[in-house]
């Protein structure tokens, strides 16, 4: 996750912006940025965020 911020709150904001503007799904984002989806979801879950496929965002 070198291309993404380490701070969970900034990560949350950055990922949601990327999902909104550039990617149709979390899988697309992770594949393109070479990010482990499980690790990303775990990092955001640790601070209370969960991915919604229906809305294509974390909340």
N, C-alpha and C. Protein backbone atom coordinates (compact mmCIF):
# COMPACT_ATOMS: atom_id res chain seq x y z
N UNK A 1 0.82 -1.18 0.00
CA UNK A 1 0.00 0.00 0.00
C UNK A 1 0.87 1.25 0.00
N UNK A 2 1.97 1.17 -0.67
CA UNK A 2 2.92 2.28 -0.72
C UNK A 2 2.34 3.53 -1.36
N UNK A 3 1.41 3.37 -2.29
CA UNK A 3 0.86 4.52 -3.01
C UNK A 3 -0.26 5.21 -2.24
N UNK A 4 -0.70 4.60 -1.15
CA UNK A 4 -1.82 5.14 -0.38
C UNK A 4 -1.32 5.66 0.98
N UNK A 5 -2.02 6.63 1.54
CA UNK A 5 -1.62 7.18 2.85
C UNK A 5 -1.66 6.12 3.95
N UNK A 6 -0.82 6.29 4.96
CA UNK A 6 -0.81 5.37 6.10
C UNK A 6 -1.84 5.72 7.15
N UNK A 7 -2.09 7.00 7.35
CA UNK A 7 -3.07 7.42 8.36
C UNK A 7 -4.45 6.91 7.96
N UNK A 8 -5.14 6.17 8.85
CA UNK A 8 -6.42 5.56 8.48
C UNK A 8 -7.50 6.54 8.03
N UNK A 9 -7.56 7.72 8.64
CA UNK A 9 -8.59 8.68 8.25
C UNK A 9 -8.29 9.29 6.88
N UNK A 10 -7.04 9.55 6.61
CA UNK A 10 -6.66 10.07 5.29
C UNK A 10 -6.81 8.97 4.25
N UNK A 11 -6.46 7.74 4.63
CA UNK A 11 -6.64 6.59 3.75
C UNK A 11 -8.11 6.44 3.38
N UNK A 12 -8.99 6.53 4.36
CA UNK A 12 -10.43 6.44 4.14
C UNK A 12 -10.88 7.47 3.10
N UNK A 13 -10.45 8.70 3.29
CA UNK A 13 -10.83 9.77 2.37
C UNK A 13 -10.26 9.55 0.97
N UNK A 14 -8.99 9.18 0.91
CA UNK A 14 -8.33 8.99 -0.39
C UNK A 14 -8.95 7.83 -1.17
N UNK A 15 -9.20 6.72 -0.49
CA UNK A 15 -9.77 5.55 -1.16
C UNK A 15 -11.18 5.88 -1.66
N UNK A 16 -11.98 6.53 -0.85
CA UNK A 16 -13.34 6.87 -1.30
C UNK A 16 -13.31 7.84 -2.48
N UNK A 17 -12.37 8.77 -2.47
CA UNK A 17 -12.24 9.68 -3.61
C UNK A 17 -11.87 8.90 -4.87
N UNK A 18 -10.92 7.99 -4.76
CA UNK A 18 -10.51 7.18 -5.91
C UNK A 18 -11.67 6.31 -6.41
N UNK A 19 -12.40 5.72 -5.48
CA UNK A 19 -13.56 4.89 -5.87
C UNK A 19 -14.62 5.74 -6.57
N UNK A 20 -14.85 6.92 -6.07
CA UNK A 20 -15.85 7.80 -6.66
C UNK A 20 -15.43 8.28 -8.05
N UNK A 21 -14.17 8.67 -8.19
CA UNK A 21 -13.72 9.34 -9.41
C UNK A 21 -13.13 8.41 -10.48
N UNK A 22 -12.51 7.32 -10.06
CA UNK A 22 -11.70 6.56 -11.01
C UNK A 22 -11.97 5.07 -11.12
N UNK A 23 -12.62 4.47 -10.15
CA UNK A 23 -12.76 3.00 -10.14
C UNK A 23 -14.21 2.56 -9.93
N UNK A 24 -14.57 1.53 -10.65
CA UNK A 24 -15.93 0.99 -10.56
C UNK A 24 -16.11 0.06 -9.37
N UNK A 25 -14.99 -0.43 -8.80
CA UNK A 25 -15.08 -1.34 -7.66
C UNK A 25 -13.78 -1.31 -6.87
N UNK A 26 -13.85 -1.83 -5.67
CA UNK A 26 -12.66 -1.93 -4.84
C UNK A 26 -11.65 -2.89 -5.48
N UNK A 27 -12.15 -3.95 -6.11
CA UNK A 27 -11.25 -4.88 -6.80
C UNK A 27 -10.47 -4.18 -7.91
N UNK A 28 -11.14 -3.33 -8.68
CA UNK A 28 -10.47 -2.58 -9.74
C UNK A 28 -9.36 -1.69 -9.18
N UNK A 29 -9.67 -0.99 -8.10
CA UNK A 29 -8.69 -0.12 -7.45
C UNK A 29 -7.50 -0.94 -6.98
N UNK A 30 -7.76 -2.04 -6.28
CA UNK A 30 -6.68 -2.86 -5.72
C UNK A 30 -5.83 -3.48 -6.82
N UNK A 31 -6.46 -3.96 -7.88
CA UNK A 31 -5.70 -4.54 -9.00
C UNK A 31 -4.81 -3.49 -9.66
N UNK A 32 -5.37 -2.33 -9.91
CA UNK A 32 -4.63 -1.28 -10.59
C UNK A 32 -3.47 -0.74 -9.75
N UNK A 33 -3.70 -0.61 -8.45
CA UNK A 33 -2.68 -0.02 -7.57
C UNK A 33 -1.81 -1.08 -6.90
N UNK A 34 -2.02 -2.35 -7.24
CA UNK A 34 -1.27 -3.46 -6.66
C UNK A 34 -1.35 -3.43 -5.13
N UNK A 35 -2.59 -3.36 -4.64
CA UNK A 35 -2.87 -3.31 -3.20
C UNK A 35 -3.62 -4.59 -2.82
N UNK A 36 -3.26 -5.16 -1.69
CA UNK A 36 -3.96 -6.32 -1.18
C UNK A 36 -5.30 -5.88 -0.60
N UNK A 37 -6.39 -6.32 -1.19
CA UNK A 37 -7.72 -5.88 -0.76
C UNK A 37 -7.98 -6.22 0.70
N UNK A 38 -7.61 -7.42 1.11
CA UNK A 38 -7.84 -7.83 2.49
C UNK A 38 -7.12 -6.90 3.47
N UNK A 39 -5.87 -6.58 3.17
CA UNK A 39 -5.10 -5.69 4.05
C UNK A 39 -5.74 -4.31 4.12
N UNK A 40 -6.18 -3.80 2.98
CA UNK A 40 -6.83 -2.49 2.95
C UNK A 40 -8.11 -2.50 3.76
N UNK A 41 -8.94 -3.52 3.56
CA UNK A 41 -10.20 -3.60 4.31
C UNK A 41 -9.94 -3.76 5.80
N UNK A 42 -8.92 -4.54 6.16
CA UNK A 42 -8.59 -4.73 7.59
C UNK A 42 -8.13 -3.42 8.23
N UNK A 43 -7.30 -2.68 7.51
CA UNK A 43 -6.80 -1.40 8.05
C UNK A 43 -7.95 -0.43 8.29
N UNK A 44 -8.88 -0.37 7.36
CA UNK A 44 -10.02 0.54 7.54
C UNK A 44 -11.04 -0.01 8.53
N UNK A 45 -11.19 -1.31 8.60
CA UNK A 45 -12.10 -1.91 9.59
C UNK A 45 -11.62 -1.65 11.01
N UNK A 46 -10.31 -1.57 11.19
CA UNK A 46 -9.75 -1.33 12.52
C UNK A 46 -10.17 0.01 13.10
N UNK A 47 -10.57 0.94 12.23
CA UNK A 47 -11.04 2.25 12.71
C UNK A 47 -12.53 2.44 12.42
N UNK A 48 -13.22 1.33 12.12
CA UNK A 48 -14.67 1.37 12.06
C UNK A 48 -15.30 1.49 10.69
N UNK A 49 -14.53 1.39 9.61
CA UNK A 49 -15.08 1.54 8.27
C UNK A 49 -15.25 0.19 7.58
N UNK A 50 -16.32 0.08 6.82
CA UNK A 50 -16.63 -1.15 6.10
C UNK A 50 -16.96 -0.79 4.65
N UNK A 51 -16.53 -1.64 3.72
CA UNK A 51 -16.78 -1.39 2.31
C UNK A 51 -18.18 -1.85 1.93
N UNK A 52 -18.88 -1.02 1.19
CA UNK A 52 -20.19 -1.34 0.64
C UNK A 52 -20.06 -1.49 -0.87
N UNK A 53 -20.22 -2.72 -1.37
CA UNK A 53 -20.16 -2.92 -2.82
C UNK A 53 -21.28 -2.18 -3.52
N UNK A 54 -22.45 -2.16 -2.91
CA UNK A 54 -23.61 -1.49 -3.51
C UNK A 54 -23.36 -0.02 -3.75
N UNK A 55 -22.67 0.63 -2.79
CA UNK A 55 -22.40 2.06 -2.88
C UNK A 55 -20.99 2.37 -3.37
N UNK A 56 -20.17 1.34 -3.51
CA UNK A 56 -18.78 1.48 -3.93
C UNK A 56 -18.03 2.53 -3.10
N UNK A 57 -18.15 2.36 -1.78
CA UNK A 57 -17.41 3.25 -0.87
C UNK A 57 -17.32 2.62 0.51
N UNK A 58 -16.39 3.15 1.28
CA UNK A 58 -16.27 2.76 2.69
C UNK A 58 -17.13 3.70 3.51
N UNK A 59 -17.70 3.15 4.58
CA UNK A 59 -18.42 3.96 5.55
C UNK A 59 -18.53 3.25 6.84
